[in-house]
Amino acid sequence: MSLFPKAPFDLSVRPSMSLVSPRLHLRAGWPHFEVRSACLPRHPAVVYLFFLKIGVVKFWFWFLWSIDAVIAAIALYFFFSLAAGGRVGAFNILPWLAILAALAAVVGGSIWLRSAGQHAVAIVLLLLLAIPGALFALFFLLLLILHPNFH
C-alpha cells in the first residue's frame, strides 16, 4: 500500500511541452519513426491498406518532387548561363531572384512539410509546379512527335 493514491490517468503518455531530456523519451519508446505491430490496426486487410497508402503517398511525393527538382535545375541552368554571358543585370535581377526563391520554397518547403508529417500539404505544394511543368513538357513532346506545319 502506498501513501499516494493511483492517478486516474496513465502517466506514461508524453506531455505536450516536456522539459524532460530527449534521452528519457528514447528510452520510453517515443517518438518512434518505424512501423511497429502495436501501431498497426488489428485486421489484416486494414494493415494491407495502411501499407499500401504509405507506399502510394511516398511514391507520389518523390515522383512530383523529382519533376519539381528538374524544373528548378533547368531554371538554375538558364540563370547561370545568362549570368555568365552578362545578360542578367540590375534591370532583371529581381525577377530572377523571385523565380529562384519561389522554386527553392517549393522544393525545400515540400521536404520540410513532409518531415513535419504534412504529406497532403506537401503534395499539393508540389502539384503547383509539377502540373504546369508536366503540361509544358507534354506540349514540347507533341511538337517533336507531330512535326506541325505552322505556315
C-alpha atoms as a PDB file:
ATOM      1  CA  MET A   1       0.000   0.000   0.000  1.00  0.00           C
ATOM      2  CA  SER A   2       1.444   3.345  -0.990  1.00  0.00           C
ATOM      3  CA  LEU A   3       0.971   6.735   0.560  1.00  0.00           C
ATOM      4  CA  PHE A   4      -0.197   8.227  -2.741  1.00  0.00           C
ATOM      5  CA  PRO A   5      -3.374   7.068  -4.467  1.00  0.00           C
ATOM      6  CA  LYS A   6      -3.172   5.793  -8.027  1.00  0.00           C
ATOM      7  CA  ALA A   7      -3.652   8.503 -10.639  1.00  0.00           C
ATOM      8  CA  PRO A   8      -6.924   8.264 -12.580  1.00  0.00           C
ATOM      9  CA  PHE A   9      -4.977   8.595 -15.842  1.00  0.00           C
ATOM     10  CA  ASP A  10      -1.907   6.989 -17.360  1.00  0.00           C
ATOM     11  CA  LEU A  11       1.266   8.900 -16.559  1.00  0.00           C
ATOM     12  CA  SER A  12       3.301   7.121 -19.238  1.00  0.00           C
ATOM     13  CA  VAL A  13       1.980   9.286 -22.085  1.00  0.00           C
ATOM     14  CA  ARG A  14       4.174  12.056 -23.438  1.00  0.00           C
ATOM     15  CA  PRO A  15       3.370  15.532 -22.145  1.00  0.00           C
ATOM     16  CA  SER A  16       2.932  18.068 -24.909  1.00  0.00           C
ATOM     17  CA  MET A  17       5.589  20.523 -23.739  1.00  0.00           C
ATOM     18  CA  SER A  18       8.027  18.390 -21.818  1.00  0.00           C
ATOM     19  CA  LEU A  19      11.284  19.642 -20.393  1.00  0.00           C
ATOM     20  CA  VAL A  20      12.480  16.095 -19.819  1.00  0.00           C
ATOM     21  CA  SER A  21      15.599  15.086 -21.703  1.00  0.00           C
ATOM     22  CA  PRO A  22      15.216  13.527 -25.169  1.00  0.00           C
ATOM     23  CA  ARG A  23      17.232  10.566 -23.913  1.00  0.00           C
ATOM     24  CA  LEU A  24      14.446   9.697 -21.490  1.00  0.00           C
ATOM     25  CA  HIS A  25      11.957   9.927 -24.358  1.00  0.00           C
ATOM     26  CA  LEU A  26      14.004   7.485 -26.408  1.00  0.00           C
ATOM     27  CA  ARG A  27      14.052   5.003 -23.542  1.00  0.00           C
ATOM     28  CA  ALA A  28      10.294   5.337 -23.225  1.00  0.00           C
ATOM     29  CA  GLY A  29       9.903   4.320 -26.869  1.00  0.00           C
ATOM     30  CA  TRP A  30       8.548   7.519 -28.341  1.00  0.00           C
ATOM     31  CA  PRO A  31       8.649   9.208 -30.683  1.00  0.00           C
ATOM     32  CA  HIS A  32       9.436   6.306 -32.949  1.00  0.00           C
ATOM     33  CA  PHE A  33       9.528   6.555 -36.703  1.00  0.00           C
ATOM     34  CA  GLU A  34       9.214   2.906 -37.640  1.00  0.00           C
ATOM     35  CA  VAL A  35       6.021   0.955 -38.006  1.00  0.00           C
ATOM     36  CA  ARG A  36       5.572  -1.455 -35.104  1.00  0.00           C
ATOM     37  CA  SER A  37       2.926  -4.097 -34.655  1.00  0.00           C
ATOM     38  CA  ALA A  38       1.447  -2.130 -31.761  1.00  0.00           C
ATOM     39  CA  CYS A  39       0.811   0.812 -34.104  1.00  0.00           C
ATOM     40  CA  LEU A  40      -0.994  -1.198 -36.757  1.00  0.00           C
ATOM     41  CA  PRO A  41      -4.708  -1.923 -36.960  1.00  0.00           C
ATOM     42  CA  ARG A  42      -5.752  -5.433 -35.949  1.00  0.00           C
ATOM     43  CA  HIS A  43      -7.467  -6.611 -39.148  1.00  0.00           C
ATOM     44  CA  PRO A  44      -5.064  -7.892 -41.875  1.00  0.00           C
ATOM     45  CA  ALA A  45      -6.922  -6.138 -44.704  1.00  0.00           C
ATOM     46  CA  VAL A  46      -6.678  -2.803 -42.913  1.00  0.00           C
ATOM     47  CA  VAL A  47      -2.958  -3.408 -42.325  1.00  0.00           C
ATOM     48  CA  TYR A  48      -2.509  -4.055 -46.047  1.00  0.00           C
ATOM     49  CA  LEU A  49      -4.345  -0.838 -46.933  1.00  0.00           C
ATOM     50  CA  PHE A  50      -2.259   1.039 -44.365  1.00  0.00           C
ATOM     51  CA  PHE A  51       0.984  -0.102 -46.002  1.00  0.00           C
ATOM     52  CA  LEU A  52      -0.450   0.457 -49.471  1.00  0.00           C
ATOM     53  CA  LYS A  53      -1.359   4.038 -48.536  1.00  0.00           C
ATOM     54  CA  ILE A  54       2.139   4.685 -47.175  1.00  0.00           C
ATOM     55  CA  GLY A  55       3.719   3.351 -50.364  1.00  0.00           C
ATOM     56  CA  VAL A  56       1.419   5.303 -52.680  1.00  0.00           C
ATOM     57  CA  VAL A  57       1.911   8.585 -50.829  1.00  0.00           C
ATOM     58  CA  LYS A  58       5.677   8.082 -50.747  1.00  0.00           C
ATOM     59  CA  PHE A  59       5.780   7.288 -54.483  1.00  0.00           C
ATOM     60  CA  TRP A  60       3.722  10.302 -55.490  1.00  0.00           C
ATOM     61  CA  PHE A  61       5.686  12.635 -53.245  1.00  0.00           C
ATOM     62  CA  TRP A  62       9.045  11.620 -54.680  1.00  0.00           C
ATOM     63  CA  PHE A  63       7.721  11.491 -58.265  1.00  0.00           C
ATOM     64  CA  LEU A  64       6.345  15.027 -58.042  1.00  0.00           C
ATOM     65  CA  TRP A  65       9.414  16.211 -56.153  1.00  0.00           C
ATOM     66  CA  SER A  66      11.701  14.912 -58.918  1.00  0.00           C
ATOM     67  CA  ILE A  67       9.666  16.797 -61.535  1.00  0.00           C
ATOM     68  CA  ASP A  68       9.986  19.980 -59.478  1.00  0.00           C
ATOM     69  CA  ALA A  69      13.713  19.383 -58.946  1.00  0.00           C
ATOM     70  CA  VAL A  70      14.244  19.049 -62.717  1.00  0.00           C
ATOM     71  CA  ILE A  71      12.329  22.288 -63.289  1.00  0.00           C
ATOM     72  CA  ALA A  72      14.457  24.032 -60.651  1.00  0.00           C
ATOM     73  CA  ALA A  73      17.654  22.650 -62.202  1.00  0.00           C
ATOM     74  CA  ILE A  74      16.621  23.946 -65.640  1.00  0.00           C
ATOM     75  CA  ALA A  75      15.890  27.381 -64.176  1.00  0.00           C
ATOM     76  CA  LEU A  76      19.259  27.406 -62.408  1.00  0.00           C
ATOM     77  CA  TYR A  77      20.999  26.405 -65.642  1.00  0.00           C
ATOM     78  CA  PHE A  78      19.384  29.282 -67.536  1.00  0.00           C
ATOM     79  CA  PHE A  79      20.149  31.734 -64.735  1.00  0.00           C
ATOM     80  CA  PHE A  80      23.837  30.849 -64.535  1.00  0.00           C
ATOM     81  CA  SER A  81      24.291  30.638 -68.306  1.00  0.00           C
ATOM     82  CA  LEU A  82      22.687  34.056 -68.769  1.00  0.00           C
ATOM     83  CA  ALA A  83      24.652  35.486 -65.844  1.00  0.00           C
ATOM     84  CA  ALA A  84      27.900  34.208 -67.349  1.00  0.00           C
ATOM     85  CA  GLY A  85      27.012  35.906 -70.636  1.00  0.00           C
ATOM     86  CA  GLY A  86      26.286  39.188 -68.904  1.00  0.00           C
ATOM     87  CA  ARG A  87      22.564  39.157 -69.658  1.00  0.00           C
ATOM     88  CA  VAL A  88      21.484  39.191 -66.017  1.00  0.00           C
ATOM     89  CA  GLY A  89      21.989  42.692 -64.730  1.00  0.00           C
ATOM     90  CA  ALA A  90      20.465  45.249 -62.426  1.00  0.00           C
ATOM     91  CA  PHE A  91      17.372  45.591 -64.606  1.00  0.00           C
ATOM     92  CA  ASN A  92      16.291  41.940 -64.361  1.00  0.00           C
ATOM     93  CA  ILE A  93      17.937  40.535 -61.247  1.00  0.00           C
ATOM     94  CA  LEU A  94      14.817  40.977 -59.077  1.00  0.00           C
ATOM     95  CA  PRO A  95      12.541  38.816 -61.268  1.00  0.00           C
ATOM     96  CA  TRP A  96      15.249  36.161 -61.438  1.00  0.00           C
ATOM     97  CA  LEU A  97      15.685  36.179 -57.674  1.00  0.00           C
ATOM     98  CA  ALA A  98      11.919  35.948 -57.181  1.00  0.00           C
ATOM     99  CA  ILE A  99      11.723  32.955 -59.533  1.00  0.00           C
ATOM    100  CA  LEU A 100      14.642  31.198 -57.854  1.00  0.00           C
ATOM    101  CA  ALA A 101      13.240  31.919 -54.381  1.00  0.00           C
ATOM    102  CA  ALA A 102       9.839  30.508 -55.380  1.00  0.00           C
ATOM    103  CA  LEU A 103      11.477  27.369 -56.771  1.00  0.00           C
ATOM    104  CA  ALA A 104      13.535  26.951 -53.600  1.00  0.00           C
ATOM    105  CA  ALA A 105      10.388  27.440 -51.497  1.00  0.00           C
ATOM    106  CA  VAL A 106       8.525  24.733 -53.414  1.00  0.00           C
ATOM    107  CA  VAL A 107      11.358  22.188 -53.470  1.00  0.00           C
ATOM    108  CA  GLY A 108      12.632  22.848 -49.949  1.00  0.00           C
ATOM    109  CA  GLY A 109       9.240  23.584 -48.420  1.00  0.00           C
ATOM    110  CA  SER A 110       7.815  20.297 -49.619  1.00  0.00           C
ATOM    111  CA  ILE A 111      10.658  18.397 -47.949  1.00  0.00           C
ATOM    112  CA  TRP A 112      10.096  20.379 -44.749  1.00  0.00           C
ATOM    113  CA  LEU A 113       6.335  19.754 -44.839  1.00  0.00           C
ATOM    114  CA  ARG A 114       6.896  16.044 -45.416  1.00  0.00           C
ATOM    115  CA  SER A 115       9.289  15.836 -42.472  1.00  0.00           C
ATOM    116  CA  ALA A 116       6.695  17.653 -40.337  1.00  0.00           C
ATOM    117  CA  GLY A 117       4.131  14.978 -41.207  1.00  0.00           C
ATOM    118  CA  GLN A 118       2.046  17.167 -43.539  1.00  0.00           C
ATOM    119  CA  HIS A 119       2.158  14.792 -46.506  1.00  0.00           C
ATOM    120  CA  ALA A 120      -1.013  16.049 -48.192  1.00  0.00           C
ATOM    121  CA  VAL A 121       0.023  19.706 -47.983  1.00  0.00           C
ATOM    122  CA  ALA A 122       3.472  18.817 -49.332  1.00  0.00           C
ATOM    123  CA  ILE A 123       1.948  17.019 -52.311  1.00  0.00           C
ATOM    124  CA  VAL A 124      -0.391  19.958 -53.031  1.00  0.00           C
ATOM    125  CA  LEU A 125       2.602  22.313 -52.912  1.00  0.00           C
ATOM    126  CA  LEU A 126       4.488  20.078 -55.331  1.00  0.00           C
ATOM    127  CA  LEU A 127       1.488  19.938 -57.655  1.00  0.00           C
ATOM    128  CA  LEU A 128       1.528  23.737 -58.007  1.00  0.00           C
ATOM    129  CA  LEU A 129       4.749  23.465 -60.001  1.00  0.00           C
ATOM    130  CA  ALA A 130       4.586  19.906 -61.332  1.00  0.00           C
ATOM    131  CA  ILE A 131       1.300  20.261 -63.254  1.00  0.00           C
ATOM    132  CA  PRO A 132       2.368  23.273 -65.376  1.00  0.00           C
ATOM    133  CA  GLY A 133       5.825  21.754 -65.840  1.00  0.00           C
ATOM    134  CA  ALA A 134       4.410  18.422 -66.980  1.00  0.00           C
ATOM    135  CA  LEU A 135       1.983  20.149 -69.371  1.00  0.00           C
ATOM    136  CA  PHE A 136       4.853  22.204 -70.812  1.00  0.00           C
ATOM    137  CA  ALA A 137       6.950  19.050 -71.317  1.00  0.00           C
ATOM    138  CA  LEU A 138       3.972  17.288 -72.925  1.00  0.00           C
ATOM    139  CA  PHE A 139       3.492  20.226 -75.297  1.00  0.00           C
ATOM    140  CA  PHE A 140       7.114  20.056 -76.460  1.00  0.00           C
ATOM    141  CA  LEU A 141       6.926  16.285 -76.751  1.00  0.00           C
ATOM    142  CA  LEU A 142       3.899  16.655 -79.032  1.00  0.00           C
ATOM    143  CA  LEU A 143       5.788  19.232 -81.090  1.00  0.00           C
ATOM    144  CA  LEU A 144       8.654  16.798 -81.549  1.00  0.00           C
ATOM    145  CA  ILE A 145       6.413  13.850 -82.436  1.00  0.00           C
ATOM    146  CA  LEU A 146       3.824  15.518 -84.682  1.00  0.00           C
ATOM    147  CA  HIS A 147       6.078  17.989 -86.573  1.00  0.00           C
ATOM    148  CA  PRO A 148       3.304  20.542 -87.080  1.00  0.00           C
ATOM    149  CA  ASN A 149       3.420  22.909 -90.027  1.00  0.00           C
ATOM    150  CA  PHE A 150       2.876  26.478 -88.852  1.00  0.00           C
ATOM    151  CA  HIS A 151       2.633  28.079 -92.321  1.00  0.00           C
END
